[in-house]
């Protein structure tokens, strides 16, 4: 089944018309199969979705639903952004698959799949904290990080205007300037990012691990967007980042960006990064961090 557009969720006629106008410009613009072509498309689509998301934030955010818990929210803007991104990609790449956070999923026939987070950092978005992102990646294969091959990815912060991009073998960039991971440091000098689960009991166990890490690192940052946190690693603003429980859309684009910036991005024991674990940073820093995380029982921290 090829990628198909779906109706706007939220129902307002004005919002629907707005999405239609934003997709008109893409009509009849097919995109080639090279990594550069795919990256250019991801960037164009992310910038267009960013305009919508930023405008909706200025208009006022409406919570549309709850997901895994009372604090795991989805806004109307999340849904609108995913619908818009899906339509734009469909116009240029109708045979590709699609996998989005808000539930849109098509298998496709081309062998390529777009992995999309329409707003990564929705709680930040809800509170108007300017650290949220549009994340768009294209992979060869299905939406399984253990088996896919990432080809291109774009992560956009609509508020700051920072655009992180990468293609396989093509390097990583921030607003067209090359970026690279921070150099090796001892773990006690490393600034480390992480994220927490929505389940309160799981957050408590994650907090116990963080409390131990605080005495072994420069400091810990919990900023609220996995995609942007990985991009902070890619640009040398964080020495390392780790999280357990990430979904494919959380890291598909940003993990490629970090890798192309020279980071080691992996799970435990050399496994590929996935929901089981993702640790990113300069190689020696991630190896030292992994040892501590295992010693502190990170493998036992599971949902609920």
Protein backbone atom coordinates (compact mmCIF):
# COMPACT_ATOMS: atom_id res chain seq x y z
CA UNK A 1 0.00 0.00 0.00
CA UNK A 2 1.46 3.38 -0.99
CA UNK A 3 1.56 6.49 1.14
CA UNK A 4 -1.80 8.26 1.13
CA UNK A 5 -3.02 11.58 2.50
CA UNK A 6 -5.65 11.61 5.25
CA UNK A 7 -8.17 14.26 6.32
CA UNK A 8 -7.20 16.90 8.82
CA UNK A 9 -8.07 15.99 12.39
CA UNK A 10 -9.60 18.74 14.50
CA UNK A 11 -12.43 19.53 12.10
CA UNK A 12 -12.17 23.32 11.80
CA UNK A 13 -12.81 24.46 8.23
CA UNK A 14 -10.28 27.27 8.48
CA UNK A 15 -7.57 24.88 9.62
CA UNK A 16 -8.34 22.48 6.77
CA UNK A 17 -8.17 25.29 4.23
CA UNK A 18 -4.86 26.40 5.70
CA UNK A 19 -3.39 22.94 5.20
CA UNK A 20 -4.71 22.79 1.65
CA UNK A 21 -3.02 26.09 0.81
CA UNK A 22 0.28 24.92 2.28
CA UNK A 23 0.24 21.74 0.19
CA UNK A 24 -0.67 23.40 -3.12
CA UNK A 25 2.91 24.60 -3.70
CA UNK A 26 4.17 21.01 -3.72
CA UNK A 27 1.84 19.71 -6.41
CA UNK A 28 3.67 18.00 -9.28
CA UNK A 29 7.18 18.17 -7.81
CA UNK A 30 8.59 14.62 -7.84
CA UNK A 31 11.87 14.02 -6.00
CA UNK A 32 14.78 11.82 -7.06
CA UNK A 33 16.19 8.84 -5.19
CA UNK A 34 19.63 10.16 -4.23
CA UNK A 35 20.35 10.87 -0.57
CA UNK A 36 20.80 14.54 -1.46
CA UNK A 37 17.38 14.61 -3.12
CA UNK A 38 15.76 12.92 -0.15
CA UNK A 39 17.44 15.28 2.30
CA UNK A 40 16.37 18.33 0.32
CA UNK A 41 12.78 17.10 0.44
CA UNK A 42 12.95 16.39 4.18
CA UNK A 43 14.26 19.90 4.79
CA UNK A 44 11.61 21.60 2.63
CA UNK A 45 8.82 19.69 4.31
CA UNK A 46 10.18 20.31 7.82
CA UNK A 47 10.41 24.06 7.18
CA UNK A 48 6.82 24.16 5.91
CA UNK A 49 5.54 22.16 8.88
CA UNK A 50 7.57 24.40 11.19
CA UNK A 51 5.71 27.45 9.92
CA UNK A 52 2.40 25.78 10.75
CA UNK A 53 3.50 24.60 14.18
CA UNK A 54 4.93 27.99 15.15
CA UNK A 55 1.77 29.78 13.99
CA UNK A 56 -0.46 27.41 15.95
CA UNK A 57 1.64 28.00 19.07
CA UNK A 58 1.12 31.76 18.68
CA UNK A 59 -2.62 31.24 18.26
CA UNK A 60 -2.88 29.11 21.41
CA UNK A 61 -2.49 25.38 21.95
CA UNK A 62 -5.41 22.98 22.28
CA UNK A 63 -4.92 19.58 23.89
CA UNK A 64 -6.65 17.06 21.65
CA UNK A 65 -6.12 13.84 23.59
CA UNK A 66 -4.10 11.90 26.16
CA UNK A 67 -1.94 8.93 25.22
CA UNK A 68 -0.04 6.70 27.65
CA UNK A 69 -0.84 8.72 30.78
CA UNK A 70 -2.50 11.90 32.04
CA UNK A 71 0.71 13.85 31.34
CA UNK A 72 1.34 12.37 27.86
CA UNK A 73 -0.58 14.82 25.70
CA UNK A 74 -1.20 15.28 22.00
CA UNK A 75 -2.23 18.67 20.66
CA UNK A 76 -4.26 19.55 17.61
CA UNK A 77 -1.04 21.00 16.20
CA UNK A 78 0.66 17.58 16.49
CA UNK A 79 -2.09 16.08 14.36
CA UNK A 80 -2.19 18.92 11.87
CA UNK A 81 1.57 18.84 11.47
CA UNK A 82 1.58 15.12 10.75
CA UNK A 83 -1.23 15.44 8.21
CA UNK A 84 0.63 18.26 6.47
CA UNK A 85 3.95 16.40 6.41
CA UNK A 86 2.30 13.27 5.08
CA UNK A 87 0.54 15.16 2.29
CA UNK A 88 3.71 16.96 1.23
CA UNK A 89 5.74 13.75 1.12
CA UNK A 90 2.97 11.94 -0.75
CA UNK A 91 2.98 14.56 -3.49
CA UNK A 92 6.70 14.05 -4.16
CA UNK A 93 7.13 10.39 -3.14
CA UNK A 94 3.75 8.60 -3.50
CA UNK A 95 5.24 5.09 -3.38
CA UNK A 96 7.17 5.50 -0.14
CA UNK A 97 6.02 4.22 3.22
CA UNK A 98 5.18 6.47 6.15
CA UNK A 99 5.32 6.02 9.93
CA UNK A 100 4.23 8.90 12.16
CA UNK A 101 3.88 9.37 15.89
CA UNK A 102 0.21 10.29 15.69
CA UNK A 103 -0.78 6.99 14.10
CA UNK A 104 -0.43 7.37 10.35
CA UNK A 105 1.22 4.29 8.86
CA UNK A 106 1.62 3.01 5.30
CA UNK A 107 3.89 0.24 4.10
CA UNK A 108 4.72 1.66 0.67
CA UNK A 109 6.16 -0.14 -2.35
CA UNK A 110 9.48 1.65 -2.95
CA UNK A 111 11.42 0.13 -0.05
CA UNK A 112 11.80 3.53 1.62
CA UNK A 113 9.94 4.68 4.73
CA UNK A 114 9.57 8.17 6.18
CA UNK A 115 9.76 8.25 9.98
CA UNK A 116 8.13 11.41 11.34
CA UNK A 117 7.65 13.14 14.66
CA UNK A 118 5.39 16.11 13.89
CA UNK A 119 6.29 17.80 17.19
CA UNK A 120 9.00 16.26 19.33
CA UNK A 121 8.76 17.82 22.78
CA UNK A 122 4.99 18.31 22.90
CA UNK A 123 4.95 19.16 26.61
CA UNK A 124 7.51 21.92 25.95
CA UNK A 125 5.26 23.07 23.11
CA UNK A 126 2.25 23.08 25.42
CA UNK A 127 4.07 25.25 27.96
CA UNK A 128 5.64 27.49 25.28
CA UNK A 129 9.16 26.40 26.16
CA UNK A 130 11.15 27.01 22.94
CA UNK A 131 12.73 23.56 22.77
CA UNK A 132 10.66 21.40 20.46
CA UNK A 133 11.22 20.13 16.96
CA UNK A 134 9.94 18.76 13.68
CA UNK A 135 11.80 15.52 12.96
CA UNK A 136 11.74 13.87 9.52
CA UNK A 137 13.88 10.91 8.45
CA UNK A 138 13.84 8.55 5.50
CA UNK A 139 15.17 5.02 5.87
CA UNK A 140 15.64 2.02 3.67
CA UNK A 141 13.44 -0.69 5.14
CA UNK A 142 10.63 -0.56 7.68
CA UNK A 143 10.17 1.53 10.82
CA UNK A 144 12.39 -0.78 12.87
CA UNK A 145 15.66 0.77 14.08
CA UNK A 146 17.21 -2.68 14.41
CA UNK A 147 16.87 -3.35 10.68
CA UNK A 148 16.57 -0.01 8.87
CA UNK A 149 19.34 1.89 7.09
CA UNK A 150 18.96 5.62 7.65
CA UNK A 151 19.47 7.66 4.47
CA UNK A 152 18.66 11.27 5.36
CA UNK A 153 17.22 13.27 8.22
CA UNK A 154 16.23 16.79 9.22
CA UNK A 155 15.46 18.18 12.68
CA UNK A 156 14.09 21.72 12.88
CA UNK A 157 13.54 23.92 15.93
CA UNK A 158 10.83 26.26 14.60
CA UNK A 159 11.45 28.86 17.32
CA UNK A 160 15.23 29.25 17.00
CA UNK A 161 15.26 28.50 13.28
CA UNK A 162 18.07 25.99 13.75
CA UNK A 163 17.99 23.29 11.09
CA UNK A 164 20.05 20.14 11.66
CA UNK A 165 20.54 17.89 8.64
CA UNK A 166 22.49 14.83 7.59
CA UNK A 167 22.63 12.22 4.85
CA UNK A 168 24.36 8.87 5.01
CA UNK A 169 28.03 9.45 4.25
CA UNK A 170 27.47 13.15 3.66
CA UNK A 171 28.24 14.64 7.07
CA UNK A 172 26.10 16.60 9.51
CA UNK A 173 25.20 20.27 9.39
CA UNK A 174 23.59 23.03 11.42
CA UNK A 175 22.13 25.70 9.13
CA UNK A 176 24.50 24.51 6.37
CA UNK A 177 27.64 24.72 8.55
CA UNK A 178 29.42 21.42 9.30
CA UNK A 179 29.14 20.20 12.88
CA UNK A 180 31.00 17.60 14.89
CA UNK A 181 30.74 15.89 18.24
CA UNK A 182 32.65 17.32 21.22
CA UNK A 183 36.13 15.86 21.77
CA UNK A 184 36.86 13.16 24.33
CA UNK A 185 36.71 14.11 28.01
CA UNK A 186 36.77 12.19 31.26
CA UNK A 187 33.24 11.28 32.32
CA UNK A 188 33.43 13.57 35.34
CA UNK A 189 33.85 16.46 32.88
CA UNK A 190 30.98 15.37 30.63
CA UNK A 191 27.67 17.21 30.36
CA UNK A 192 25.10 14.44 29.85
CA UNK A 193 21.53 14.68 28.61
CA UNK A 194 18.70 12.25 29.24
CA UNK A 195 14.92 11.91 29.19
CA UNK A 196 12.26 10.36 31.38
CA UNK A 197 9.22 8.16 30.80
CA UNK A 198 5.65 9.40 31.17
CA UNK A 199 4.84 6.68 33.71
CA UNK A 200 5.42 8.13 37.20
CA UNK A 201 6.81 4.94 38.74
CA UNK A 202 9.27 4.51 35.88
CA UNK A 203 10.38 8.14 36.23
CA UNK A 204 11.09 7.46 39.88
CA UNK A 205 13.43 4.58 39.03
CA UNK A 206 15.08 6.66 36.30
CA UNK A 207 15.57 9.40 38.87
CA UNK A 208 17.45 6.98 41.11
CA UNK A 209 19.90 6.30 38.28
CA UNK A 210 20.29 10.03 37.56
CA UNK A 211 20.96 10.74 41.25
CA UNK A 212 23.96 8.41 41.10
CA UNK A 213 25.16 9.83 37.78
CA UNK A 214 25.15 13.36 39.19
CA UNK A 215 28.16 12.54 41.33
CA UNK A 216 30.09 11.04 38.40
CA UNK A 217 29.55 13.67 35.66
CA UNK A 218 29.87 17.43 35.19
CA UNK A 219 26.06 17.67 35.33
CA UNK A 220 22.84 16.26 33.87
CA UNK A 221 20.43 18.00 31.50
CA UNK A 222 16.82 16.94 30.94
CA UNK A 223 15.55 19.34 28.27
CA UNK A 224 12.52 17.52 26.88
CA UNK A 225 13.11 16.64 23.22
CA UNK A 226 15.10 13.54 22.31
CA UNK A 227 15.58 14.73 18.73
CA UNK A 228 17.06 18.06 19.79
CA UNK A 229 19.10 16.47 22.57
CA UNK A 230 20.77 14.18 20.03
CA UNK A 231 21.40 17.20 17.84
CA UNK A 232 23.03 18.92 20.82
CA UNK A 233 25.40 15.97 20.96
CA UNK A 234 26.00 16.29 17.22
CA UNK A 235 26.90 19.97 17.57
CA UNK A 236 29.12 19.48 20.62
CA UNK A 237 26.75 21.19 23.05
CA UNK A 238 26.31 18.00 25.07
CA UNK A 239 29.05 15.43 25.58
CA UNK A 240 26.61 12.53 25.69
CA UNK A 241 22.96 11.60 25.79
CA UNK A 242 21.18 8.43 26.87
CA UNK A 243 17.58 7.30 27.13
CA UNK A 244 15.62 4.09 27.45
CA UNK A 245 12.15 3.76 25.90
CA UNK A 246 12.55 5.95 22.82
CA UNK A 247 10.22 5.38 19.88
CA UNK A 248 11.47 5.19 16.27
CA UNK A 249 10.27 8.71 15.45
CA UNK A 250 12.14 10.14 18.45
CA UNK A 251 15.57 9.31 17.08
CA UNK A 252 15.39 8.28 13.40
CA UNK A 253 16.60 11.62 12.05
CA UNK A 254 18.68 12.82 14.98
CA UNK A 255 20.60 9.56 15.47
CA UNK A 256 21.77 9.81 11.84
CA UNK A 257 22.74 13.45 12.39
CA UNK A 258 24.74 12.53 15.50
CA UNK A 259 26.40 9.60 13.73
CA UNK A 260 27.40 11.75 10.77
CA UNK A 261 28.81 14.29 13.23
CA UNK A 262 31.16 11.61 14.55
CA UNK A 263 29.19 10.33 17.52
CA UNK A 264 28.95 6.70 18.54
CA UNK A 265 25.22 5.94 18.69
CA UNK A 266 24.44 2.50 20.07
CA UNK A 267 22.51 0.41 22.55
CA UNK A 268 23.93 -1.77 25.30
CA UNK A 269 26.68 -4.28 24.57
CA UNK A 270 27.23 -2.91 21.08
CA UNK A 271 23.63 -3.46 19.96
CA UNK A 272 22.02 -1.02 17.57
CA UNK A 273 20.26 1.92 19.21
CA UNK A 274 16.57 1.24 19.80
CA UNK A 275 13.85 1.55 22.41
CA UNK A 276 15.86 -0.79 24.62
CA UNK A 277 18.60 1.83 24.94
CA UNK A 278 20.27 4.64 23.06
CA UNK A 279 23.59 6.15 24.15
CA UNK A 280 25.22 8.81 21.98
CA UNK A 281 28.42 10.81 22.21
CA UNK A 282 32.15 10.63 21.58
CA UNK A 283 33.09 6.95 21.66
CA UNK A 284 35.16 6.85 24.87
CA UNK A 285 32.58 8.93 26.73
CA UNK A 286 29.72 6.63 25.73
CA UNK A 287 31.66 3.52 26.71
CA UNK A 288 32.39 4.95 30.16
CA UNK A 289 28.78 6.13 30.53
CA UNK A 290 27.42 2.72 29.52
CA UNK A 291 29.49 1.00 32.23
CA UNK A 292 28.06 3.29 34.88
CA UNK A 293 24.49 2.92 33.62
CA UNK A 294 24.75 -0.87 33.74
CA UNK A 295 26.26 -0.72 37.23
CA UNK A 296 23.40 1.51 38.36
CA UNK A 297 20.77 -0.90 37.02
CA UNK A 298 19.51 0.93 33.94
CA UNK A 299 18.63 -2.43 32.34
CA UNK A 300 16.04 -3.04 35.06
CA UNK A 301 14.19 0.23 34.48
CA UNK A 302 11.08 -0.70 32.49
CA UNK A 303 7.67 0.89 32.01
CA UNK A 304 5.17 0.50 34.83
